[in-house]
N, C-alpha and C. Protein backbone atom coordinates (compact mmCIF):
# COMPACT_ATOMS: atom_id res chain seq x y z
N MET A 1 0.84 -1.18 0.00
CA MET A 1 0.00 0.00 0.00
C MET A 1 0.89 1.24 0.00
N LYS A 2 0.66 2.13 -0.94
CA LYS A 2 1.44 3.35 -1.02
C LYS A 2 0.96 4.34 0.03
N LYS A 3 1.90 5.06 0.58
CA LYS A 3 1.57 6.07 1.57
C LYS A 3 2.10 7.42 1.11
N ARG A 4 1.35 8.44 1.38
CA ARG A 4 1.78 9.80 1.08
C ARG A 4 2.75 10.25 2.16
N PHE A 5 3.54 11.26 1.84
CA PHE A 5 4.55 11.76 2.77
C PHE A 5 3.92 12.17 4.09
N THR A 6 2.78 12.86 4.04
CA THR A 6 2.15 13.30 5.29
C THR A 6 1.71 12.11 6.14
N GLU A 7 1.27 11.03 5.49
CA GLU A 7 0.90 9.83 6.24
C GLU A 7 2.12 9.20 6.90
N VAL A 8 3.24 9.22 6.20
CA VAL A 8 4.47 8.66 6.76
C VAL A 8 4.92 9.50 7.95
N VAL A 9 4.85 10.82 7.83
CA VAL A 9 5.25 11.70 8.93
C VAL A 9 4.38 11.44 10.16
N GLU A 10 3.10 11.18 9.96
CA GLU A 10 2.20 10.88 11.08
C GLU A 10 2.62 9.62 11.83
N MET A 11 3.28 8.70 11.15
CA MET A 11 3.67 7.43 11.76
C MET A 11 5.01 7.52 12.50
N ILE A 12 5.78 8.59 12.27
CA ILE A 12 7.12 8.71 12.86
C ILE A 12 7.02 9.22 14.29
N ASP A 13 7.85 8.65 15.14
CA ASP A 13 7.94 9.03 16.55
C ASP A 13 8.36 10.50 16.67
N PHE A 14 7.87 11.18 17.72
CA PHE A 14 8.17 12.60 17.92
C PHE A 14 9.67 12.87 17.98
N ASN A 15 10.40 12.06 18.74
CA ASN A 15 11.85 12.26 18.86
C ASN A 15 12.55 12.13 17.51
N GLU A 16 12.10 11.18 16.71
CA GLU A 16 12.69 11.02 15.38
C GLU A 16 12.36 12.22 14.49
N LEU A 17 11.15 12.76 14.63
CA LEU A 17 10.79 13.97 13.87
C LEU A 17 11.69 15.14 14.24
N VAL A 18 11.97 15.29 15.54
CA VAL A 18 12.85 16.36 16.00
C VAL A 18 14.25 16.17 15.41
N ASN A 19 14.74 14.92 15.42
CA ASN A 19 16.06 14.64 14.85
C ASN A 19 16.09 14.93 13.35
N MET A 20 15.01 14.59 12.65
CA MET A 20 14.94 14.86 11.22
C MET A 20 14.94 16.37 10.96
N LYS A 21 14.21 17.11 11.76
CA LYS A 21 14.15 18.57 11.62
C LYS A 21 15.53 19.18 11.83
N ARG A 22 16.26 18.70 12.84
CA ARG A 22 17.62 19.19 13.08
C ARG A 22 18.52 18.90 11.88
N ASP A 23 18.39 17.69 11.34
CA ASP A 23 19.20 17.32 10.19
C ASP A 23 18.89 18.22 9.00
N ILE A 24 17.64 18.51 8.77
CA ILE A 24 17.25 19.39 7.67
C ILE A 24 17.80 20.79 7.90
N ASP A 25 17.73 21.28 9.14
CA ASP A 25 18.26 22.60 9.45
C ASP A 25 19.77 22.69 9.21
N LYS A 26 20.46 21.55 9.35
CA LYS A 26 21.91 21.52 9.15
C LYS A 26 22.29 21.18 7.70
N GLY A 27 21.33 21.09 6.83
CA GLY A 27 21.62 20.80 5.43
C GLY A 27 21.05 19.47 4.95
N GLY A 28 20.55 18.65 5.87
CA GLY A 28 19.86 17.42 5.50
C GLY A 28 20.74 16.32 4.94
N MET A 29 22.00 16.27 5.34
CA MET A 29 22.92 15.26 4.79
C MET A 29 22.49 13.83 5.14
N GLU A 30 22.08 13.61 6.38
CA GLU A 30 21.69 12.25 6.79
C GLU A 30 20.42 11.81 6.06
N ILE A 31 19.43 12.69 6.00
CA ILE A 31 18.18 12.36 5.30
C ILE A 31 18.47 12.13 3.82
N ASN A 32 19.31 12.96 3.24
CA ASN A 32 19.68 12.80 1.83
C ASN A 32 20.32 11.44 1.60
N GLN A 33 21.20 11.02 2.49
CA GLN A 33 21.88 9.73 2.35
C GLN A 33 20.88 8.58 2.43
N VAL A 34 19.95 8.65 3.39
CA VAL A 34 18.94 7.59 3.55
C VAL A 34 18.05 7.51 2.31
N LEU A 35 17.59 8.66 1.83
CA LEU A 35 16.72 8.68 0.65
C LEU A 35 17.45 8.20 -0.59
N THR A 36 18.69 8.60 -0.77
CA THR A 36 19.48 8.17 -1.92
C THR A 36 19.66 6.65 -1.91
N GLN A 37 19.94 6.09 -0.74
CA GLN A 37 20.12 4.64 -0.63
C GLN A 37 18.82 3.90 -0.95
N LYS A 38 17.69 4.41 -0.46
CA LYS A 38 16.39 3.77 -0.71
C LYS A 38 16.05 3.83 -2.20
N ILE A 39 16.33 4.93 -2.84
CA ILE A 39 16.06 5.06 -4.28
C ILE A 39 16.91 4.08 -5.06
N LYS A 40 18.19 3.93 -4.70
CA LYS A 40 19.06 2.96 -5.37
C LYS A 40 18.51 1.55 -5.22
N GLU A 41 18.04 1.20 -4.02
CA GLU A 41 17.47 -0.13 -3.79
C GLU A 41 16.24 -0.36 -4.67
N GLU A 42 15.37 0.63 -4.76
CA GLU A 42 14.16 0.50 -5.58
C GLU A 42 14.51 0.37 -7.06
N LEU A 43 15.50 1.13 -7.52
CA LEU A 43 15.90 1.04 -8.92
C LEU A 43 16.47 -0.33 -9.25
N LYS A 44 17.19 -0.92 -8.33
CA LYS A 44 17.74 -2.26 -8.55
C LYS A 44 16.63 -3.30 -8.65
N LYS A 45 15.55 -3.12 -7.92
CA LYS A 45 14.42 -4.06 -7.98
C LYS A 45 13.86 -4.15 -9.39
N HIS A 46 13.82 -3.01 -10.08
CA HIS A 46 13.26 -2.98 -11.43
C HIS A 46 14.17 -3.65 -12.45
N ASN A 47 15.41 -3.86 -12.10
CA ASN A 47 16.37 -4.45 -13.02
C ASN A 47 16.48 -5.95 -12.87
N VAL A 48 15.62 -6.58 -12.08
CA VAL A 48 15.74 -8.00 -11.80
C VAL A 48 15.20 -8.85 -12.95
N TYR A 49 14.15 -8.39 -13.63
CA TYR A 49 13.51 -9.16 -14.69
C TYR A 49 13.42 -8.36 -15.98
N CYS A 50 13.49 -9.06 -17.10
CA CYS A 50 13.36 -8.45 -18.42
C CYS A 50 11.96 -7.83 -18.56
N SER A 51 11.89 -6.64 -19.10
CA SER A 51 10.61 -5.94 -19.25
C SER A 51 9.68 -6.61 -20.26
N ILE A 52 10.21 -7.46 -21.14
CA ILE A 52 9.40 -8.10 -22.17
C ILE A 52 9.07 -9.55 -21.82
N CYS A 53 10.09 -10.36 -21.60
CA CYS A 53 9.86 -11.81 -21.42
C CYS A 53 9.93 -12.26 -19.96
N ASN A 54 10.20 -11.34 -19.05
CA ASN A 54 10.28 -11.62 -17.61
C ASN A 54 11.38 -12.62 -17.25
N ALA A 55 12.37 -12.77 -18.11
CA ALA A 55 13.52 -13.63 -17.77
C ALA A 55 14.33 -12.93 -16.69
N LYS A 56 14.91 -13.72 -15.81
CA LYS A 56 15.74 -13.16 -14.75
C LYS A 56 16.99 -12.54 -15.36
N ILE A 57 17.31 -11.32 -14.94
CA ILE A 57 18.45 -10.59 -15.46
C ILE A 57 19.69 -10.91 -14.62
N ASP A 58 20.75 -11.28 -15.29
CA ASP A 58 22.04 -11.47 -14.63
C ASP A 58 22.74 -10.11 -14.60
N PRO A 59 22.92 -9.51 -13.42
CA PRO A 59 23.48 -8.16 -13.37
C PRO A 59 24.91 -8.06 -13.88
N TYR A 60 25.60 -9.19 -14.00
CA TYR A 60 27.00 -9.18 -14.44
C TYR A 60 27.15 -9.55 -15.91
N SER A 61 26.04 -9.82 -16.60
CA SER A 61 26.09 -10.17 -18.01
C SER A 61 26.30 -8.91 -18.86
N THR A 62 27.03 -9.06 -19.94
CA THR A 62 27.25 -7.93 -20.85
C THR A 62 26.19 -7.87 -21.95
N SER A 63 25.24 -8.80 -21.95
CA SER A 63 24.19 -8.79 -22.98
C SER A 63 22.90 -8.15 -22.47
N ASN A 64 22.91 -7.57 -21.29
CA ASN A 64 21.75 -6.85 -20.77
C ASN A 64 21.72 -5.44 -21.36
N PHE A 65 20.51 -4.91 -21.53
CA PHE A 65 20.33 -3.55 -22.03
C PHE A 65 19.33 -2.83 -21.15
N THR A 66 19.58 -1.56 -20.90
CA THR A 66 18.66 -0.74 -20.11
C THR A 66 18.40 0.55 -20.86
N LEU A 67 17.12 0.88 -21.03
CA LEU A 67 16.73 2.14 -21.65
C LEU A 67 16.16 3.06 -20.57
N ILE A 68 16.56 4.30 -20.60
CA ILE A 68 15.99 5.32 -19.73
C ILE A 68 15.31 6.31 -20.67
N PHE A 69 14.02 6.53 -20.48
CA PHE A 69 13.28 7.36 -21.41
C PHE A 69 12.21 8.14 -20.68
N GLY A 70 11.64 9.10 -21.37
CA GLY A 70 10.57 9.91 -20.81
C GLY A 70 11.03 11.34 -20.56
N PRO A 71 10.09 12.20 -20.17
CA PRO A 71 10.45 13.59 -19.89
C PRO A 71 11.36 13.68 -18.67
N GLU A 72 12.07 14.77 -18.56
CA GLU A 72 13.08 14.94 -17.50
C GLU A 72 12.50 14.72 -16.10
N ASP A 73 11.28 15.16 -15.87
CA ASP A 73 10.71 15.04 -14.53
C ASP A 73 10.00 13.71 -14.28
N LEU A 74 9.95 12.84 -15.28
CA LEU A 74 9.26 11.56 -15.11
C LEU A 74 9.98 10.48 -15.92
N LYS A 75 11.22 10.23 -15.58
CA LYS A 75 12.01 9.24 -16.29
C LYS A 75 11.51 7.83 -15.99
N LYS A 76 11.51 6.98 -17.00
CA LYS A 76 11.17 5.57 -16.86
C LYS A 76 12.39 4.75 -17.24
N LYS A 77 12.45 3.53 -16.71
CA LYS A 77 13.60 2.67 -16.95
C LYS A 77 13.09 1.29 -17.31
N ALA A 78 13.62 0.73 -18.39
CA ALA A 78 13.25 -0.62 -18.82
C ALA A 78 14.54 -1.41 -19.06
N THR A 79 14.59 -2.63 -18.51
CA THR A 79 15.77 -3.48 -18.65
C THR A 79 15.39 -4.71 -19.48
N PHE A 80 16.30 -5.13 -20.35
CA PHE A 80 16.04 -6.24 -21.26
C PHE A 80 17.16 -7.26 -21.16
N CYS A 81 16.80 -8.54 -21.32
CA CYS A 81 17.78 -9.62 -21.21
C CYS A 81 18.60 -9.79 -22.48
N ALA A 82 18.08 -9.32 -23.60
CA ALA A 82 18.78 -9.49 -24.88
C ALA A 82 18.33 -8.42 -25.87
N LEU A 83 19.05 -8.33 -26.95
CA LEU A 83 18.77 -7.32 -27.97
C LEU A 83 17.40 -7.51 -28.61
N ASP A 84 16.96 -8.75 -28.82
CA ASP A 84 15.66 -8.97 -29.46
C ASP A 84 14.52 -8.47 -28.60
N CYS A 85 14.63 -8.58 -27.28
CA CYS A 85 13.58 -8.05 -26.39
C CYS A 85 13.55 -6.52 -26.46
N MET A 86 14.72 -5.90 -26.50
CA MET A 86 14.77 -4.44 -26.60
C MET A 86 14.20 -3.98 -27.94
N GLU A 87 14.52 -4.68 -29.03
CA GLU A 87 13.99 -4.33 -30.34
C GLU A 87 12.47 -4.47 -30.38
N TYR A 88 11.94 -5.52 -29.76
CA TYR A 88 10.50 -5.73 -29.69
C TYR A 88 9.84 -4.57 -28.94
N PHE A 89 10.44 -4.17 -27.84
CA PHE A 89 9.92 -3.05 -27.05
C PHE A 89 9.91 -1.76 -27.87
N LEU A 90 11.02 -1.47 -28.55
CA LEU A 90 11.11 -0.25 -29.33
C LEU A 90 10.13 -0.24 -30.50
N LYS A 91 9.94 -1.39 -31.15
CA LYS A 91 8.98 -1.48 -32.25
C LYS A 91 7.57 -1.18 -31.73
N ASN A 92 7.20 -1.78 -30.61
CA ASN A 92 5.88 -1.52 -30.04
C ASN A 92 5.73 -0.07 -29.60
N LEU A 93 6.79 0.51 -29.08
CA LEU A 93 6.75 1.91 -28.68
C LEU A 93 6.54 2.82 -29.89
N LYS A 94 7.24 2.53 -30.99
CA LYS A 94 7.06 3.30 -32.23
C LYS A 94 5.64 3.16 -32.76
N ASP A 95 5.12 1.93 -32.77
CA ASP A 95 3.75 1.70 -33.25
C ASP A 95 2.74 2.45 -32.38
N LEU A 96 2.93 2.42 -31.09
CA LEU A 96 2.03 3.10 -30.17
C LEU A 96 2.05 4.60 -30.41
N ARG A 97 3.24 5.15 -30.57
CA ARG A 97 3.37 6.59 -30.83
C ARG A 97 2.73 6.96 -32.16
N ARG A 98 2.94 6.15 -33.21
CA ARG A 98 2.35 6.42 -34.52
C ARG A 98 0.82 6.38 -34.41
N ASP A 99 0.27 5.37 -33.73
CA ASP A 99 -1.18 5.26 -33.57
C ASP A 99 -1.74 6.46 -32.81
N TRP A 100 -1.00 6.90 -31.78
CA TRP A 100 -1.45 8.04 -30.98
C TRP A 100 -1.48 9.31 -31.84
N LYS A 101 -0.43 9.51 -32.65
CA LYS A 101 -0.39 10.68 -33.53
C LYS A 101 -1.51 10.64 -34.56
N ASN A 102 -1.76 9.46 -35.15
CA ASN A 102 -2.83 9.33 -36.14
C ASN A 102 -4.19 9.62 -35.51
N ALA A 103 -4.41 9.12 -34.31
CA ALA A 103 -5.68 9.38 -33.62
C ALA A 103 -5.83 10.87 -33.33
N LYS A 104 -4.74 11.52 -32.96
CA LYS A 104 -4.77 12.95 -32.67
C LYS A 104 -5.09 13.74 -33.94
N LYS A 105 -4.48 13.34 -35.07
CA LYS A 105 -4.75 14.02 -36.34
C LYS A 105 -6.20 13.84 -36.75
N GLU A 106 -6.73 12.63 -36.61
CA GLU A 106 -8.14 12.37 -36.95
C GLU A 106 -9.07 13.21 -36.09
N LYS A 107 -8.75 13.32 -34.82
CA LYS A 107 -9.57 14.12 -33.90
C LYS A 107 -9.55 15.58 -34.33
N ASN A 108 -8.37 16.09 -34.70
CA ASN A 108 -8.26 17.48 -35.14
C ASN A 108 -9.02 17.70 -36.44
N LYS A 109 -8.94 16.75 -37.38
CA LYS A 109 -9.67 16.88 -38.65
C LYS A 109 -11.17 16.88 -38.41
N THR A 110 -11.64 15.99 -37.54
CA THR A 110 -13.06 15.91 -37.24
C THR A 110 -13.54 17.19 -36.56
N ALA A 111 -12.78 17.69 -35.62
CA ALA A 111 -13.16 18.91 -34.91
C ALA A 111 -13.11 20.10 -35.86
N GLY A 112 -12.13 20.14 -36.76
CA GLY A 112 -12.01 21.24 -37.72
C GLY A 112 -13.13 21.26 -38.73
N SER A 113 -13.54 20.08 -39.23
CA SER A 113 -14.61 20.04 -40.22
C SER A 113 -15.96 20.34 -39.59
N ALA A 114 -16.13 20.02 -38.32
CA ALA A 114 -17.39 20.30 -37.64
C ALA A 114 -17.57 21.79 -37.43
N SER A 115 -16.47 22.51 -37.21
CA SER A 115 -16.58 23.94 -36.96
C SER A 115 -16.40 24.76 -38.24
N GLY A 116 -16.09 24.08 -39.35
CA GLY A 116 -15.89 24.78 -40.61
C GLY A 116 -14.48 25.34 -40.75
N MET A 117 -13.64 25.11 -39.76
CA MET A 117 -12.26 25.61 -39.79
C MET A 117 -11.34 24.48 -40.24
N HIS A 118 -10.25 24.85 -40.85
CA HIS A 118 -9.25 23.86 -41.29
C HIS A 118 -8.10 23.82 -40.29
N GLU A 119 -7.81 22.63 -39.79
CA GLU A 119 -6.68 22.43 -38.88
C GLU A 119 -5.46 22.03 -39.69
N PRO A 120 -4.27 22.46 -39.31
CA PRO A 120 -3.06 22.04 -40.03
C PRO A 120 -2.85 20.54 -39.92
N ASP A 121 -2.20 19.95 -40.95
CA ASP A 121 -1.96 18.51 -40.99
C ASP A 121 -0.66 18.10 -40.32
N PHE A 122 -0.07 18.97 -39.53
CA PHE A 122 1.17 18.60 -38.86
C PHE A 122 0.97 18.67 -37.35
N ASP A 123 1.83 17.96 -36.66
CA ASP A 123 1.81 17.92 -35.20
C ASP A 123 2.88 18.87 -34.69
N SER A 124 2.68 19.47 -33.54
CA SER A 124 3.69 20.37 -32.98
C SER A 124 5.00 19.64 -32.74
N ASP A 125 4.96 18.30 -32.57
CA ASP A 125 6.19 17.53 -32.38
C ASP A 125 7.01 17.46 -33.66
N ASP A 126 6.36 17.72 -34.82
CA ASP A 126 7.05 17.63 -36.10
C ASP A 126 7.86 18.89 -36.41
N ILE A 127 7.64 19.97 -35.67
CA ILE A 127 8.32 21.24 -35.92
C ILE A 127 9.63 21.27 -35.16
N ASP A 128 10.70 21.63 -35.82
CA ASP A 128 12.03 21.72 -35.17
C ASP A 128 12.29 23.10 -34.65
């Protein structure tokens, strides 16, 4: 069950809250270290199985591939056991993006013809 930060704070002992506040006032080095370690642990969990075939990933193998993608504030990570799984993922990602763009264009054409206005046939992503 996921908990929000305020719910977690409610569960922390008063003395620990005071210690955390002191740490934050001094620059938050201890809290930063704890959070950094927890994030590293969570990221390693995602690297245990292939994102496509769910094969167990050998962390010491040189045939593993990891893609990091998405906008800067919402990065996603996918790990693959072999090149064919990564290629399958990328092909599906391209198809999904193409279908999404086509649906968006159709929606714009339908909305434009209903209002009597002409919408451009390009997507803002197509402009450099």
